[in-house]
C-alpha atoms as a PDB file:
ATOM      1  CA  MET A   1       0.000   0.000   0.000  1.00  0.00           C
ATOM      2  CA  SER A   2       1.157   3.597  -0.496  1.00  0.00           C
ATOM      3  CA  GLU A   3       3.047   5.316   2.307  1.00  0.00           C
ATOM      4  CA  ASN A   4       0.672   8.215   2.034  1.00  0.00           C
ATOM      5  CA  ASN A   5      -2.195   6.059   3.298  1.00  0.00           C
ATOM      6  CA  PRO A   6      -3.456   7.591   6.596  1.00  0.00           C
ATOM      7  CA  LYS A   7      -3.815   4.137   8.134  1.00  0.00           C
ATOM      8  CA  ASN A   8      -0.133   3.260   7.536  1.00  0.00           C
ATOM      9  CA  ARG A   9       1.036   6.530   9.014  1.00  0.00           C
ATOM     10  CA  ILE A  10      -1.066   5.931  12.142  1.00  0.00           C
ATOM     11  CA  GLU A  11       0.320   2.416  12.659  1.00  0.00           C
ATOM     12  CA  ILE A  12       3.937   3.634  12.329  1.00  0.00           C
ATOM     13  CA  LEU A  13       3.328   6.489  14.787  1.00  0.00           C
ATOM     14  CA  THR A  14       1.701   4.107  17.263  1.00  0.00           C
ATOM     15  CA  ALA A  15       4.674   1.717  17.163  1.00  0.00           C
ATOM     16  CA  CYS A  16       7.095   4.563  17.764  1.00  0.00           C
ATOM     17  CA  ILE A  17       5.090   5.821  20.740  1.00  0.00           C
ATOM     18  CA  LEU A  18       4.903   2.322  22.283  1.00  0.00           C
ATOM     19  CA  GLY A  19       8.668   1.798  21.838  1.00  0.00           C
ATOM     20  CA  LEU A  20       9.489   5.107  23.442  1.00  0.00           C
ATOM     21  CA  PHE A  21       7.088   4.438  26.287  1.00  0.00           C
ATOM     22  CA  LEU A  22       8.545   1.000  27.047  1.00  0.00           C
ATOM     23  CA  THR A  23      12.072   2.347  26.930  1.00  0.00           C
ATOM     24  CA  THR A  24      11.195   5.099  29.419  1.00  0.00           C
ATOM     25  CA  LEU A  25       9.516   2.670  31.829  1.00  0.00           C
ATOM     26  CA  ILE A  26      12.449   0.281  31.792  1.00  0.00           C
ATOM     27  CA  ALA A  27      14.892   3.105  32.395  1.00  0.00           C
ATOM     28  CA  PHE A  28      12.730   4.360  35.286  1.00  0.00           C
ATOM     29  CA  PHE A  29      12.552   1.096  37.084  1.00  0.00           C
ATOM     30  CA  VAL A  30      16.199   0.267  36.493  1.00  0.00           C
ATOM     31  CA  SER A  31      17.193   3.582  38.084  1.00  0.00           C
ATOM     32  CA  ARG A  32      15.323   2.624  41.253  1.00  0.00           C
ATOM     33  CA  VAL A  33      17.282  -0.617  41.872  1.00  0.00           C
ATOM     34  CA  PRO A  34      19.982  -0.086  44.654  1.00  0.00           C
ATOM     35  CA  ALA A  35      23.491  -0.236  43.357  1.00  0.00           C
ATOM     36  CA  ARG A  36      25.798  -2.760  44.980  1.00  0.00           C
ATOM     37  CA  ALA A  37      29.339  -2.040  45.815  1.00  0.00           C
ATOM     38  CA  ASP A  38      30.554  -4.284  43.134  1.00  0.00           C
ATOM     39  CA  ALA A  39      28.048  -2.660  40.727  1.00  0.00           C
ATOM     40  CA  THR A  40      26.087  -5.931  40.387  1.00  0.00           C
ATOM     41  CA  VAL A  41      22.371  -6.547  40.893  1.00  0.00           C
ATOM     42  CA  ASP A  42      20.833  -9.557  42.534  1.00  0.00           C
ATOM     43  CA  GLU A  43      19.456 -11.588  39.659  1.00  0.00           C
ATOM     44  CA  SER A  44      16.433 -12.885  41.594  1.00  0.00           C
ATOM     45  CA  LEU A  45      15.402  -9.403  42.637  1.00  0.00           C
ATOM     46  CA  LEU A  46      15.828  -8.160  39.101  1.00  0.00           C
ATOM     47  CA  MET A  47      13.714 -10.997  37.751  1.00  0.00           C
ATOM     48  CA  GLU A  48      11.001 -10.245  40.335  1.00  0.00           C
ATOM     49  CA  ILE A  49      10.919  -6.579  39.502  1.00  0.00           C
ATOM     50  CA  SER A  50      11.121  -7.183  35.813  1.00  0.00           C
ATOM     51  CA  GLY A  51       8.300  -9.695  35.923  1.00  0.00           C
ATOM     52  CA  LYS A  52       5.970  -7.388  37.812  1.00  0.00           C
ATOM     53  CA  GLU A  53       6.742  -4.369  35.722  1.00  0.00           C
ATOM     54  CA  ALA A  54       6.437  -6.388  32.537  1.00  0.00           C
ATOM     55  CA  VAL A  55       2.894  -7.375  33.468  1.00  0.00           C
ATOM     56  CA  ASP A  56       1.999  -3.746  34.187  1.00  0.00           C
ATOM     57  CA  LEU A  57       3.671  -2.680  31.035  1.00  0.00           C
ATOM     58  CA  GLN A  58       1.834  -5.314  29.018  1.00  0.00           C
ATOM     59  CA  GLN A  59      -1.485  -4.243  30.487  1.00  0.00           C
ATOM     60  CA  ALA A  60      -0.749  -0.595  29.817  1.00  0.00           C
ATOM     61  CA  ALA A  61       0.294  -1.385  26.272  1.00  0.00           C
ATOM     62  CA  SER A  62      -2.888  -3.422  25.782  1.00  0.00           C
ATOM     63  CA  ARG A  63      -5.015  -0.506  26.920  1.00  0.00           C
ATOM     64  CA  ILE A  64      -3.149   1.908  24.667  1.00  0.00           C
ATOM     65  CA  PHE A  65      -3.474  -0.439  21.698  1.00  0.00           C
ATOM     66  CA  SER A  66      -7.194  -0.906  22.368  1.00  0.00           C
ATOM     67  CA  ALA A  67      -7.738   2.846  22.543  1.00  0.00           C
ATOM     68  CA  GLU A  68      -5.693   3.384  19.433  1.00  0.00           C
ATOM     69  CA  SER A  69      -7.603   0.644  17.582  1.00  0.00           C
ATOM     70  CA  SER A  70     -10.882   2.289  18.560  1.00  0.00           C
ATOM     71  CA  ARG A  71      -9.585   5.653  17.356  1.00  0.00           C
ATOM     72  CA  GLN A  72      -8.402   4.150  14.098  1.00  0.00           C
ATOM     73  CA  LYS A  73     -11.820   2.536  13.601  1.00  0.00           C
ATOM     74  CA  ARG A  74     -13.530   5.896  14.122  1.00  0.00           C
ATOM     75  CA  ILE A  75     -11.129   7.462  11.651  1.00  0.00           C
ATOM     76  CA  GLN A  76     -11.763   4.664   9.135  1.00  0.00           C
ATOM     77  CA  ASP A  77     -15.548   4.975   9.625  1.00  0.00           C
ATOM     78  CA  SER A  78     -15.271   8.720   9.004  1.00  0.00           C
ATOM     79  CA  ILE A  79     -13.229   8.104   5.849  1.00  0.00           C
ATOM     80  CA  ASP A  80     -15.690   5.463   4.631  1.00  0.00           C
ATOM     81  CA  TYR A  81     -18.609   7.853   5.294  1.00  0.00           C
ATOM     82  CA  SER A  82     -16.890  10.644   3.397  1.00  0.00           C
ATOM     83  CA  ILE A  83     -16.234   8.306   0.482  1.00  0.00           C
ATOM     84  CA  SER A  84     -19.881   7.188   0.561  1.00  0.00           C
ATOM     85  CA  VAL A  85     -21.086  10.802   0.556  1.00  0.00           C
ATOM     86  CA  GLU A  86     -18.720  11.669  -2.294  1.00  0.00           C
ATOM     87  CA  GLU A  87     -19.892   8.635  -4.278  1.00  0.00           C
ATOM     88  CA  SER A  88     -23.538   9.651  -3.701  1.00  0.00           C
ATOM     89  CA  SER A  89     -22.799  13.224  -4.808  1.00  0.00           C
ATOM     90  CA  TYR A  90     -20.915  11.934  -7.824  1.00  0.00           C
ATOM     91  CA  GLN A  91     -23.815   9.643  -8.743  1.00  0.00           C
ATOM     92  CA  ALA A  92     -26.281  12.515  -8.317  1.00  0.00           C
ATOM     93  CA  MET A  93     -24.078  14.655 -10.591  1.00  0.00           C
ATOM     94  CA  LEU A  94     -24.019  11.849 -13.179  1.00  0.00           C
ATOM     95  CA  ASP A  95     -27.819  11.578 -12.965  1.00  0.00           C
ATOM     96  CA  SER A  96     -28.149  15.355 -13.463  1.00  0.00           C
ATOM     97  CA  ILE A  97     -25.831  15.246 -16.477  1.00  0.00           C
ATOM     98  CA  ALA A  98     -27.832  12.350 -17.948  1.00  0.00           C
ATOM     99  CA  ALA A  99     -31.102  14.271 -17.455  1.00  0.00           C
ATOM    100  CA  ALA A 100     -29.594  17.383 -19.068  1.00  0.00           C
ATOM    101  CA  MET A 101     -28.381  15.303 -22.017  1.00  0.00           C
ATOM    102  CA  ASN A 102     -31.890  13.858 -22.433  1.00  0.00           C
ATOM    103  CA  GLN A 103     -33.370  17.364 -22.398  1.00  0.00           C
ATOM    104  CA  LEU A 104     -30.797  18.521 -24.938  1.00  0.00           C
ATOM    105  CA  SER A 105     -31.588  15.528 -27.148  1.00  0.00           C
ATOM    106  CA  SER A 106     -35.326  16.322 -26.970  1.00  0.00           C
ATOM    107  CA  TYR A 107     -34.654  19.977 -27.782  1.00  0.00           C
ATOM    108  CA  MET A 108     -32.455  19.057 -30.771  1.00  0.00           C
ATOM    109  CA  GLN A 109     -35.191  16.708 -31.989  1.00  0.00           C
ATOM    110  CA  SER A 110     -37.790  19.484 -31.712  1.00  0.00           C
ATOM    111  CA  VAL A 111     -35.452  21.885 -33.547  1.00  0.00           C
ATOM    112  CA  LYS A 112     -34.968  19.308 -36.275  1.00  0.00           C
ATOM    113  CA  GLN A 113     -38.742  18.807 -36.550  1.00  0.00           C
ATOM    114  CA  SER A 114     -39.280  22.585 -36.643  1.00  0.00           C
ATOM    115  CA  GLN A 115     -36.683  22.939 -39.400  1.00  0.00           C
ATOM    116  CA  TYR A 116     -38.406  20.170 -41.356  1.00  0.00           C
ATOM    117  CA  GLU A 117     -41.804  21.845 -40.973  1.00  0.00           C
ATOM    118  CA  GLU A 118     -40.330  25.231 -41.938  1.00  0.00           C
ATOM    119  CA  ALA A 119     -38.734  23.696 -45.028  1.00  0.00           C
ATOM    120  CA  SER A 120     -42.047  22.044 -45.940  1.00  0.00           C
ATOM    121  CA  PHE A 121     -43.901  25.338 -45.456  1.00  0.00           C
ATOM    122  CA  SER A 122     -41.320  27.178 -47.543  1.00  0.00           C
ATOM    123  CA  GLN A 123     -41.734  24.647 -50.327  1.00  0.00           C
ATOM    124  CA  SER A 124     -45.528  24.977 -50.194  1.00  0.00           C
ATOM    125  CA  LEU A 125     -45.293  28.765 -50.165  1.00  0.00           C
ATOM    126  CA  SER A 126     -42.848  28.707 -53.052  1.00  0.00           C
ATOM    127  CA  ALA A 127     -45.180  26.453 -55.035  1.00  0.00           C
ATOM    128  CA  ALA A 128     -48.157  28.718 -54.272  1.00  0.00           C
ATOM    129  CA  LEU A 129     -46.227  31.826 -55.312  1.00  0.00           C
ATOM    130  CA  LYS A 130     -45.087  30.100 -58.466  1.00  0.00           C
ATOM    131  CA  ALA A 131     -48.668  29.116 -59.298  1.00  0.00           C
ATOM    132  CA  SER A 132     -49.829  32.663 -58.504  1.00  0.00           C
ATOM    133  CA  ARG A 133     -47.173  34.161 -60.775  1.00  0.00           C
ATOM    134  CA  GLU A 134     -48.117  31.738 -63.519  1.00  0.00           C
ATOM    135  CA  GLU A 135     -51.791  32.638 -63.109  1.00  0.00           C
ATOM    136  CA  GLU A 136     -50.914  36.330 -63.157  1.00  0.00           C
ATOM    137  CA  LYS A 137     -48.814  35.752 -66.242  1.00  0.00           C
ATOM    138  CA  GLN A 138     -51.686  34.003 -67.998  1.00  0.00           C
ATOM    139  CA  SER A 139     -54.059  36.743 -66.877  1.00  0.00           C
ATOM    140  CA  SER A 140     -51.670  39.363 -68.236  1.00  0.00           C
ATOM    141  CA  LYS A 141     -51.525  37.525 -71.533  1.00  0.00           C
ATOM    142  CA  ALA A 142     -55.326  37.368 -71.675  1.00  0.00           C
ATOM    143  CA  GLU A 143     -55.569  41.077 -70.827  1.00  0.00           C
ATOM    144  CA  ALA A 144     -52.959  41.917 -73.450  1.00  0.00           C
ATOM    145  CA  SER A 145     -54.905  39.878 -75.988  1.00  0.00           C
ATOM    146  CA  ARG A 146     -58.133  41.656 -75.046  1.00  0.00           C
ATOM    147  CA  GLN A 147     -56.503  45.068 -75.301  1.00  0.00           C
ATOM    148  CA  ALA A 148     -55.048  44.095 -78.671  1.00  0.00           C
ATOM    149  CA  SER A 149     -58.519  43.073 -79.792  1.00  0.00           C
ATOM    150  CA  ILE A 150     -59.929  46.430 -78.657  1.00  0.00           C
ATOM    151  CA  ALA A 151     -57.116  48.300 -80.399  1.00  0.00           C
ATOM    152  CA  ALA A 152     -57.784  46.326 -83.567  1.00  0.00           C
ATOM    153  CA  SER A 153     -61.478  47.163 -83.352  1.00  0.00           C
ATOM    154  CA  ILE A 154     -60.699  50.842 -82.922  1.00  0.00           C
ATOM    155  CA  ALA A 155     -58.291  50.774 -85.849  1.00  0.00           C
ATOM    156  CA  ALA A 156     -60.824  48.972 -88.041  1.00  0.00           C
ATOM    157  CA  SER A 157     -63.781  51.125 -87.040  1.00  0.00           C
ATOM    158  CA  ASN A 158     -63.545  54.434 -85.228  1.00  0.00           C
ATOM    159  CA  VAL A 159     -66.404  54.193 -82.697  1.00  0.00           C
ATOM    160  CA  VAL A 160     -67.156  56.596 -79.829  1.00  0.00           C
ATOM    161  CA  PHE A 161     -69.698  56.595 -77.003  1.00  0.00           C
ATOM    162  CA  ILE A 162     -71.442  59.694 -75.618  1.00  0.00           C
ATOM    163  CA  GLY A 163     -73.607  59.461 -72.522  1.00  0.00           C
ATOM    164  CA  ASP A 164     -74.083  59.761 -68.780  1.00  0.00           C
ATOM    165  CA  SER A 165     -72.541  58.097 -65.693  1.00  0.00           C
ATOM    166  CA  ARG A 166     -73.733  54.677 -66.873  1.00  0.00           C
ATOM    167  CA  THR A 167     -71.684  55.211 -70.040  1.00  0.00           C
ATOM    168  CA  TYR A 168     -68.634  55.940 -67.889  1.00  0.00           C
ATOM    169  CA  GLY A 169     -68.764  52.284 -66.777  1.00  0.00           C
ATOM    170  CA  LEU A 170     -67.700  51.232 -70.290  1.00  0.00           C
ATOM    171  CA  SER A 171     -64.235  52.705 -69.721  1.00  0.00           C
ATOM    172  CA  PHE A 172     -64.159  52.104 -65.950  1.00  0.00           C
ATOM    173  CA  TYR A 173     -64.678  48.362 -66.443  1.00  0.00           C
ATOM    174  CA  ASP A 174     -62.269  48.284 -69.421  1.00  0.00           C
ATOM    175  CA  CYS A 175     -64.882  47.620 -72.077  1.00  0.00           C
ATOM    176  CA  TRP A 176     -63.736  50.495 -74.309  1.00  0.00           C
ATOM    177  CA  PRO A 177     -60.799  52.948 -74.226  1.00  0.00           C
ATOM    178  CA  ARG A 178     -61.288  56.088 -72.171  1.00  0.00           C
ATOM    179  CA  SER A 179     -60.252  58.209 -75.170  1.00  0.00           C
ATOM    180  CA  HIS A 180     -63.365  57.002 -77.022  1.00  0.00           C
ATOM    181  CA  VAL A 181     -65.864  57.357 -74.163  1.00  0.00           C
ATOM    182  CA  PHE A 182     -67.406  60.794 -73.492  1.00  0.00           C
ATOM    183  CA  PHE A 183     -69.630  61.069 -70.433  1.00  0.00           C
ATOM    184  CA  THR A 184     -71.178  63.486 -67.962  1.00  0.00           C
ATOM    185  CA  THR A 185     -72.402  62.861 -64.435  1.00  0.00           C
ATOM    186  CA  GLY A 186     -75.232  65.363 -64.904  1.00  0.00           C
ATOM    187  CA  MET A 187     -77.565  66.426 -67.686  1.00  0.00           C
ATOM    188  CA  ILE A 188     -76.231  65.973 -71.203  1.00  0.00           C
ATOM    189  CA  ASP A 189     -77.479  69.418 -72.205  1.00  0.00           C
ATOM    190  CA  TYR A 190     -75.005  70.910 -69.709  1.00  0.00           C
ATOM    191  CA  ALA A 191     -71.990  69.296 -71.394  1.00  0.00           C
ATOM    192  CA  PRO A 192     -71.920  70.688 -74.959  1.00  0.00           C
ATOM    193  CA  GLN A 193     -68.124  70.271 -75.194  1.00  0.00           C
ATOM    194  CA  MET A 194     -68.548  66.477 -75.369  1.00  0.00           C
ATOM    195  CA  ALA A 195     -70.355  66.705 -78.712  1.00  0.00           C
ATOM    196  CA  THR A 196     -67.726  69.105 -80.051  1.00  0.00           C
ATOM    197  CA  GLU A 197     -64.764  66.955 -78.946  1.00  0.00           C
ATOM    198  CA  ALA A 198     -66.294  63.715 -80.209  1.00  0.00           C
ATOM    199  CA  ALA A 199     -67.262  65.274 -83.569  1.00  0.00           C
ATOM    200  CA  ALA A 200     -63.664  66.535 -83.990  1.00  0.00           C
ATOM    201  CA  MET A 201     -62.562  62.872 -84.109  1.00  0.00           C
ATOM    202  CA  ALA A 202     -64.827  62.345 -87.141  1.00  0.00           C
ATOM    203  CA  PRO A 203     -65.769  58.851 -85.935  1.00  0.00           C
ATOM    204  CA  GLU A 204     -67.270  56.281 -88.204  1.00  0.00           C
ATOM    205  CA  LYS A 205     -69.982  55.522 -85.651  1.00  0.00           C
ATOM    206  CA  VAL A 206     -71.270  57.281 -82.519  1.00  0.00           C
ATOM    207  CA  ILE A 207     -73.508  55.679 -79.892  1.00  0.00           C
ATOM    208  CA  PHE A 208     -75.557  57.928 -77.620  1.00  0.00           C
ATOM    209  CA  LEU A 209     -76.489  56.418 -74.205  1.00  0.00           C
ATOM    210  CA  ASN A 210     -78.210  59.006 -72.060  1.00  0.00           C
ATOM    211  CA  GLY A 211     -81.298  59.608 -70.002  1.00  0.00           C
ATOM    212  CA  VAL A 212     -81.582  59.078 -66.217  1.00  0.00           C
ATOM    213  CA  ASP A 213     -80.423  62.458 -64.853  1.00  0.00           C
ATOM    214  CA  ASP A 214     -82.281  64.353 -67.580  1.00  0.00           C
ATOM    215  CA  ILE A 215     -85.500  62.480 -66.766  1.00  0.00           C
ATOM    216  CA  LEU A 216     -85.161  63.168 -63.040  1.00  0.00           C
ATOM    217  CA  TYR A 217     -84.541  66.903 -63.527  1.00  0.00           C
ATOM    218  CA  PHE A 218     -86.672  67.774 -66.556  1.00  0.00           C
ATOM    219  CA  GLY A 219     -89.273  65.065 -66.934  1.00  0.00           C
ATOM    220  CA  TYR A 220     -89.736  62.950 -70.070  1.00  0.00           C
ATOM    221  CA  GLU A 221     -90.876  65.421 -72.725  1.00  0.00           C
ATOM    222  CA  GLN A 222     -88.438  68.212 -71.860  1.00  0.00           C
ATOM    223  CA  ALA A 223     -85.570  65.716 -71.460  1.00  0.00           C
ATOM    224  CA  LEU A 224     -86.343  64.282 -74.898  1.00  0.00           C
ATOM    225  CA  GLY A 225     -86.291  67.771 -76.449  1.00  0.00           C
ATOM    226  CA  HIS A 226     -82.833  68.482 -75.023  1.00  0.00           C
ATOM    227  CA  TYR A 227     -81.602  65.076 -76.135  1.00  0.00           C
ATOM    228  CA  GLU A 228     -82.832  65.524 -79.693  1.00  0.00           C
ATOM    229  CA  ASN A 229     -81.205  68.958 -80.036  1.00  0.00           C
ATOM    230  CA  TYR A 230     -77.927  67.629 -78.647  1.00  0.00           C
ATOM    231  CA  ILE A 231     -77.720  64.739 -81.122  1.00  0.00           C
ATOM    232  CA  ALA A 232     -78.691  67.026 -84.007  1.00  0.00           C
ATOM    233  CA  LYS A 233     -75.846  69.384 -83.046  1.00  0.00           C
ATOM    234  CA  PHE A 234     -73.359  66.507 -83.238  1.00  0.00           C
ATOM    235  CA  ALA A 235     -74.792  65.403 -86.597  1.00  0.00           C
ATOM    236  CA  ALA A 236     -74.237  68.870 -87.957  1.00  0.00           C
ATOM    237  CA  LEU A 237     -70.599  68.874 -86.790  1.00  0.00           C
ATOM    238  CA  SER A 238     -69.842  65.384 -88.137  1.00  0.00           C
ATOM    239  CA  PRO A 239     -72.319  64.645 -90.927  1.00  0.00           C
ATOM    240  CA  GLU A 240     -70.483  61.502 -92.128  1.00  0.00           C
ATOM    241  CA  THR A 241     -70.784  59.749 -88.778  1.00  0.00           C
ATOM    242  CA  LYS A 242     -73.453  57.102 -88.483  1.00  0.00           C
ATOM    243  CA  ILE A 243     -75.588  57.782 -85.400  1.00  0.00           C
ATOM    244  CA  TYR A 244     -76.963  55.141 -83.016  1.00  0.00           C
ATOM    245  CA  VAL A 245     -79.167  55.928 -80.010  1.00  0.00           C
ATOM    246  CA  GLY A 246     -79.483  53.363 -77.254  1.00  0.00           C
ATOM    247  CA  ASN A 247     -82.565  52.827 -75.148  1.00  0.00           C
ATOM    248  CA  VAL A 248     -82.536  54.094 -71.562  1.00  0.00           C
ATOM    249  CA  MET A 249     -82.070  51.025 -69.342  1.00  0.00           C
ATOM    250  CA  PRO A 250     -84.870  50.700 -66.747  1.00  0.00           C
ATOM    251  CA  ALA A 251     -84.044  51.266 -63.063  1.00  0.00           C
ATOM    252  CA  ALA A 252     -84.359  48.584 -60.388  1.00  0.00           C
ATOM    253  CA  SER A 253     -87.552  48.332 -58.357  1.00  0.00           C
ATOM    254  CA  TRP A 254     -85.926  49.693 -55.169  1.00  0.00           C
ATOM    255  CA  ALA A 255     -84.674  52.749 -57.086  1.00  0.00           C
ATOM    256  CA  ILE A 256     -88.143  53.427 -58.501  1.00  0.00           C
ATOM    257  CA  GLU A 257     -89.567  53.304 -54.947  1.00  0.00           C
ATOM    258  CA  ARG A 258     -87.274  56.204 -54.010  1.00  0.00           C
ATOM    259  CA  ARG A 259     -87.662  58.068 -57.342  1.00  0.00           C
ATOM    260  CA  PRO A 260     -91.092  57.289 -58.790  1.00  0.00           C
ATOM    261  CA  ARG A 261     -90.401  59.358 -61.941  1.00  0.00           C
ATOM    262  CA  LEU A 262     -88.053  56.560 -63.111  1.00  0.00           C
ATOM    263  CA  GLY A 263     -91.028  54.232 -63.369  1.00  0.00           C
ATOM    264  CA  GLY A 264     -91.973  55.644 -66.830  1.00  0.00           C
ATOM    265  CA  ILE A 265     -88.757  54.727 -68.696  1.00  0.00           C
ATOM    266  CA  GLU A 266     -90.529  52.168 -70.911  1.00  0.00           C
ATOM    267  CA  ALA A 267     -92.735  54.912 -72.335  1.00  0.00           C
ATOM    268  CA  TYR A 268     -89.730  57.218 -72.684  1.00  0.00           C
ATOM    269  CA  ASN A 269     -87.931  54.630 -74.819  1.00  0.00           C
ATOM    270  CA  GLN A 270     -90.913  54.625 -77.160  1.00  0.00           C
ATOM    271  CA  LEU A 271     -90.477  58.376 -77.596  1.00  0.00           C
ATOM    272  CA  ILE A 272     -86.759  57.844 -78.384  1.00  0.00           C
ATOM    273  CA  GLN A 273     -87.641  55.300 -81.081  1.00  0.00           C
ATOM    274  CA  GLU A 274     -89.990  57.840 -82.699  1.00  0.00           C
ATOM    275  CA  MET A 275     -87.259  60.517 -82.533  1.00  0.00           C
ATOM    276  CA  CYS A 276     -84.788  58.185 -84.300  1.00  0.00           C
ATOM    277  CA  ALA A 277     -87.334  57.451 -87.000  1.00  0.00           C
ATOM    278  CA  ARG A 278     -87.770  61.156 -87.678  1.00  0.00           C
ATOM    279  CA  HIS A 279     -84.031  61.762 -88.169  1.00  0.00           C
ATOM    280  CA  GLY A 280     -82.922  58.471 -89.677  1.00  0.00           C
ATOM    281  CA  TRP A 281     -80.915  57.516 -86.641  1.00  0.00           C
ATOM    282  CA  THR A 282     -80.675  53.846 -85.535  1.00  0.00           C
ATOM    283  CA  PHE A 283     -82.368  52.803 -82.280  1.00  0.00           C
ATOM    284  CA  VAL A 284     -80.445  50.173 -80.251  1.00  0.00           C
ATOM    285  CA  ASP A 285     -82.047  48.011 -77.534  1.00  0.00           C
ATOM    286  CA  GLY A 286     -79.157  47.009 -75.279  1.00  0.00           C
ATOM    287  CA  MET A 287     -81.330  45.022 -72.875  1.00  0.00           C
ATOM    288  CA  GLY A 288     -80.760  41.854 -74.841  1.00  0.00           C
ATOM    289  CA  GLY A 289     -83.536  39.861 -73.201  1.00  0.00           C
ATOM    290  CA  PHE A 290     -82.180  40.212 -69.650  1.00  0.00           C
ATOM    291  CA  THR A 291     -84.447  40.981 -66.715  1.00  0.00           C
ATOM    292  CA  ILE A 292     -84.163  44.391 -65.111  1.00  0.00           C
ATOM    293  CA  GLU A 293     -83.017  43.065 -61.718  1.00  0.00           C
ATOM    294  CA  ALA A 294     -80.096  41.226 -63.359  1.00  0.00           C
ATOM    295  CA  CYS A 295     -78.514  44.555 -64.290  1.00  0.00           C
ATOM    296  CA  TYR A 296     -77.782  45.672 -60.739  1.00  0.00           C
ATOM    297  CA  SER A 297     -75.947  44.568 -57.636  1.00  0.00           C
ATOM    298  CA  LEU A 298     -78.362  43.907 -54.778  1.00  0.00           C
ATOM    299  CA  ASN A 299     -76.471  46.392 -52.623  1.00  0.00           C
ATOM    300  CA  GLY A 300     -76.283  48.988 -55.393  1.00  0.00           C
ATOM    301  CA  ASP A 301     -78.397  52.080 -55.982  1.00  0.00           C
ATOM    302  CA  GLY A 302     -80.544  50.405 -58.636  1.00  0.00           C
ATOM    303  CA  ILE A 303     -79.444  52.920 -61.298  1.00  0.00           C
ATOM    304  CA  HIS A 304     -75.776  52.215 -62.004  1.00  0.00           C
ATOM    305  CA  PHE A 305     -74.911  48.797 -63.406  1.00  0.00           C
ATOM    306  CA  SER A 306     -72.760  46.081 -61.902  1.00  0.00           C
ATOM    307  CA  ALA A 307     -69.427  45.289 -63.568  1.00  0.00           C
ATOM    308  CA  ALA A 308     -70.765  42.038 -65.049  1.00  0.00           C
ATOM    309  CA  TRP A 309     -73.857  43.671 -66.496  1.00  0.00           C
ATOM    310  CA  THR A 310     -71.845  46.598 -67.900  1.00  0.00           C
ATOM    311  CA  ARG A 311     -69.798  44.127 -69.942  1.00  0.00           C
ATOM    312  CA  THR A 312     -72.964  42.284 -71.045  1.00  0.00           C
ATOM    313  CA  TRP A 313     -74.605  45.567 -72.011  1.00  0.00           C
ATOM    314  CA  PHE A 314     -71.523  46.575 -74.021  1.00  0.00           C
ATOM    315  CA  ASN A 315     -71.443  43.229 -75.867  1.00  0.00           C
ATOM    316  CA  ASN A 316     -75.155  43.508 -76.669  1.00  0.00           C
ATOM    317  CA  ILE A 317     -74.643  46.954 -78.206  1.00  0.00           C
ATOM    318  CA  ARG A 318     -71.488  45.844 -80.003  1.00  0.00           C
ATOM    319  CA  SER A 319     -73.250  42.903 -81.638  1.00  0.00           C
ATOM    320  CA  ILE A 320     -76.087  45.168 -82.854  1.00  0.00           C
ATOM    321  CA  VAL A 321     -73.955  48.067 -84.058  1.00  0.00           C
ATOM    322  CA  GLY A 322     -71.269  45.793 -85.502  1.00  0.00           C
ATOM    323  CA  PHE A 323     -67.748  46.849 -84.526  1.00  0.00           C
END
């Protein structure tokens, strides 16, 4: 065993102490024996003293050894307890490290799962964006084709529209170029510049679409008189242009409830037909067989058309006029 072992050092120290103690006792008792003149000691007396002192010395040594053994046992028990406590602490530390490693493993697994889900989401998003861009690209192509078709129609036949806020929907919903749509949000008689500007283009065909505001402000007969004078003024400015006059589209039932004067539009359209017959202008019925309620959004005002009906109305007129 190593010399640094506490137990070895204790045993060596104990032996030294016992040796010193025995040597001291022997010297003490020897000094007490009377010296003879010839410097000799009676052997029997020496044996008697030595025997008695040896027994005492043996008993004393036994007691010292017993006490030392007990002390060494306490020391060893203390060392063993310390080792046990250290081993328990070490095991607890190992258990804590193992638990921390398990937590770290779980966290890394969750991070890995999160990264997988993020990658999957990114792929889905990328696919959706790609599909959206492709759809937008196709839509752009379709729009470009439609615009090309409109441009071709304009180039082949110079057609303009003149009318009210309903007519504005033709350009607002991209049915016809804004440059070829003249409109007013009030009475047509109050916008004489429209007729002048449109006539300056010397169009092949002009389509008049007017009526609601004039009817509301002037009534049917006076509105018709203004309308007739307006169209005649345009005809005088551009005599080569072929003139078409569309019927006034009826209002929805909920609009008529608020403005009862709009309930007579059917009769007003009859007056427009008679006016066209007098001047040789062409009457155009843009209704195309649709019901009145189909022309309007349910949450609309019952006067201005929905986007879908505006396009249907335009196509109806286009098929009749031919452009």
